[in-house]
Structures are given as structure tokens and as C-alpha cells.
Amino acid sequence: MVDAVLEDPRPTRLTLEPLDDFVVIEYAEEEAETRAGLILPASLEAQCRSGIVIAAGPDAEGVAPGDKVLFPKDSGHDVRLAGTNQKVVKRGELIARIHD
């Protein structure tokens, strides 16, 4: 009798569920100009990053998954999960929501 090892064909999808007022952000591609035509100066790009909120804790008011946000480059915690670079920040560290 031969023992067979069955492998699950479904890929494992790791996700983060932020607690309290933390927000998980996936970095957006760096753009010098937004789709709406807003040009971000080089000095602003050096200090800030943009990204898409992929998860928000229960106390993170005013933001929801799918929102594009601006945050200080040095804020929060960098995390690499399932091959993507993500940032976990407190809601209060977010600077603005971007509408383009």
C-alpha cells in the first residue's frame, strides 16, 4: 500500500485584519501626476506615499477598503505579505483621501 500526500490545489491567501484604529494599505504605483492631472512636486513625493486601503479596523472612522490615501513615508509599519508590500498605520496618521 502506498501513502499519498494530497496537496490542496487552492492557493493560500494570507490577509491582515487590523485591530482598533489601524489601517492596512497596499502601496500604489508612484505617480508624478494623478489621473485627474494633479502634479505632485518631487519634494512632496519624498515625504509622502499613496496607497489603497485594503482593510480598516473597527475604530478607523472615515476610511474604508478601496479608498486611496496619502500618508507620511516614515509612518506605520512595513509588512510584506503574500508577495505584496503593505503598510499598517494608525488612522490618525493618514493625511488625506485622494479622489481622482
Protein backbone atom coordinates (compact mmCIF):
# COMPACT_ATOMS: atom_id res chain seq x y z
CA MET A 1 0.00 0.00 0.00
CA VAL A 2 1.34 3.46 -0.96
CA ASP A 3 0.61 6.51 1.14
CA ALA A 4 -0.33 9.51 -0.96
CA VAL A 5 0.05 13.08 0.12
CA LEU A 6 -2.78 15.21 -1.16
CA GLU A 7 -1.94 18.81 -1.83
CA ASP A 8 -4.60 21.47 -1.63
CA PRO A 9 -4.77 22.99 -5.15
CA ARG A 10 -6.17 26.26 -3.80
CA PRO A 11 -3.53 28.94 -3.23
CA THR A 12 -3.24 30.20 0.32
CA ARG A 13 -4.41 33.80 0.59
CA LEU A 14 -2.97 35.50 3.65
CA THR A 15 -4.69 38.63 4.86
CA LEU A 16 -4.31 41.02 7.75
CA GLU A 17 -7.26 42.01 9.88
CA PRO A 18 -6.34 45.30 11.57
CA LEU A 19 -7.42 45.91 15.14
CA ASP A 20 -8.70 49.09 16.78
CA ASP A 21 -7.92 52.14 14.60
CA PHE A 22 -5.24 50.55 12.42
CA VAL A 23 -5.48 50.56 8.63
CA VAL A 24 -3.73 48.22 6.15
CA ILE A 25 -2.57 49.97 2.98
CA GLU A 26 -1.22 48.44 -0.22
CA TYR A 27 1.28 50.76 -1.85
CA ALA A 28 0.10 52.42 -5.05
CA GLU A 29 2.40 52.83 -8.02
CA GLU A 30 4.34 56.04 -7.56
CA GLU A 31 2.98 58.68 -9.91
CA ALA A 32 4.30 62.13 -10.64
CA GLU A 33 0.86 63.07 -11.98
CA THR A 34 -2.54 61.77 -10.88
CA ARG A 35 -5.18 60.70 -13.40
CA ALA A 36 -7.03 63.94 -12.69
CA GLY A 37 -3.95 65.93 -13.70
CA LEU A 38 -2.73 66.92 -10.24
CA ILE A 39 1.07 67.03 -10.41
CA LEU A 40 2.81 66.09 -7.17
CA PRO A 41 6.06 68.02 -6.61
CA ALA A 42 9.23 65.97 -6.09
CA SER A 43 9.61 67.29 -2.53
CA LEU A 44 6.10 66.00 -1.67
CA GLU A 45 6.84 62.59 -3.19
CA ALA A 46 9.92 62.27 -0.98
CA GLN A 47 7.90 62.89 2.19
CA CYS A 48 4.59 61.15 1.38
CA ARG A 49 3.35 57.93 -0.17
CA SER A 50 -0.02 56.94 -1.53
CA GLY A 51 -1.81 53.65 -1.40
CA ILE A 52 -5.12 51.83 -1.39
CA VAL A 53 -6.78 50.88 1.90
CA ILE A 54 -7.32 47.14 1.81
CA ALA A 55 -8.58 46.72 5.39
CA ALA A 56 -9.63 49.02 8.22
CA GLY A 57 -10.05 48.22 11.90
CA PRO A 58 -13.42 48.71 13.63
CA ASP A 59 -12.37 52.07 15.13
CA ALA A 60 -10.81 53.52 11.92
CA GLU A 61 -13.53 56.04 11.15
CA GLY A 62 -13.68 57.90 7.84
CA VAL A 63 -11.83 55.36 5.70
CA ALA A 64 -12.94 52.16 4.02
CA PRO A 65 -11.36 49.48 1.86
CA GLY A 66 -10.85 50.82 -1.66
CA ASP A 67 -10.06 54.40 -0.56
CA LYS A 68 -6.87 55.90 -1.99
CA VAL A 69 -5.00 57.71 0.78
CA LEU A 70 -1.90 59.83 1.37
CA PHE A 71 0.34 59.14 4.37
CA PRO A 72 3.81 60.13 5.63
CA LYS A 73 6.56 57.94 4.20
CA ASP A 74 8.00 57.13 7.64
CA SER A 75 4.69 56.36 9.37
CA GLY A 76 3.43 52.99 10.49
CA HIS A 77 4.92 49.56 9.99
CA ASP A 78 6.08 47.96 6.73
CA VAL A 79 4.84 44.40 6.14
CA ARG A 80 5.49 42.01 3.24
CA LEU A 81 2.62 39.58 2.96
CA ALA A 82 1.84 37.16 0.13
CA GLY A 83 4.34 38.87 -2.16
CA THR A 84 3.00 42.40 -1.72
CA ASN A 85 4.39 45.31 0.25
CA GLN A 86 1.87 46.73 2.68
CA LYS A 87 1.88 49.39 5.37
CA VAL A 88 -0.03 49.20 8.67
CA VAL A 89 -0.71 52.67 10.09
CA LYS A 90 -2.96 54.24 12.70
CA ARG A 91 -5.96 56.08 11.25
CA GLY A 92 -4.69 59.35 12.77
CA GLU A 93 -1.50 59.18 10.68
CA LEU A 94 -3.38 59.40 7.36
CA ILE A 95 -3.09 62.84 5.76
CA ALA A 96 -5.84 62.78 3.12
CA ARG A 97 -8.10 60.71 0.93
CA ILE A 98 -7.31 61.12 -2.80
CA HIS A 99 -10.16 61.49 -5.29
CA ASP A 100 -9.08 61.16 -8.93
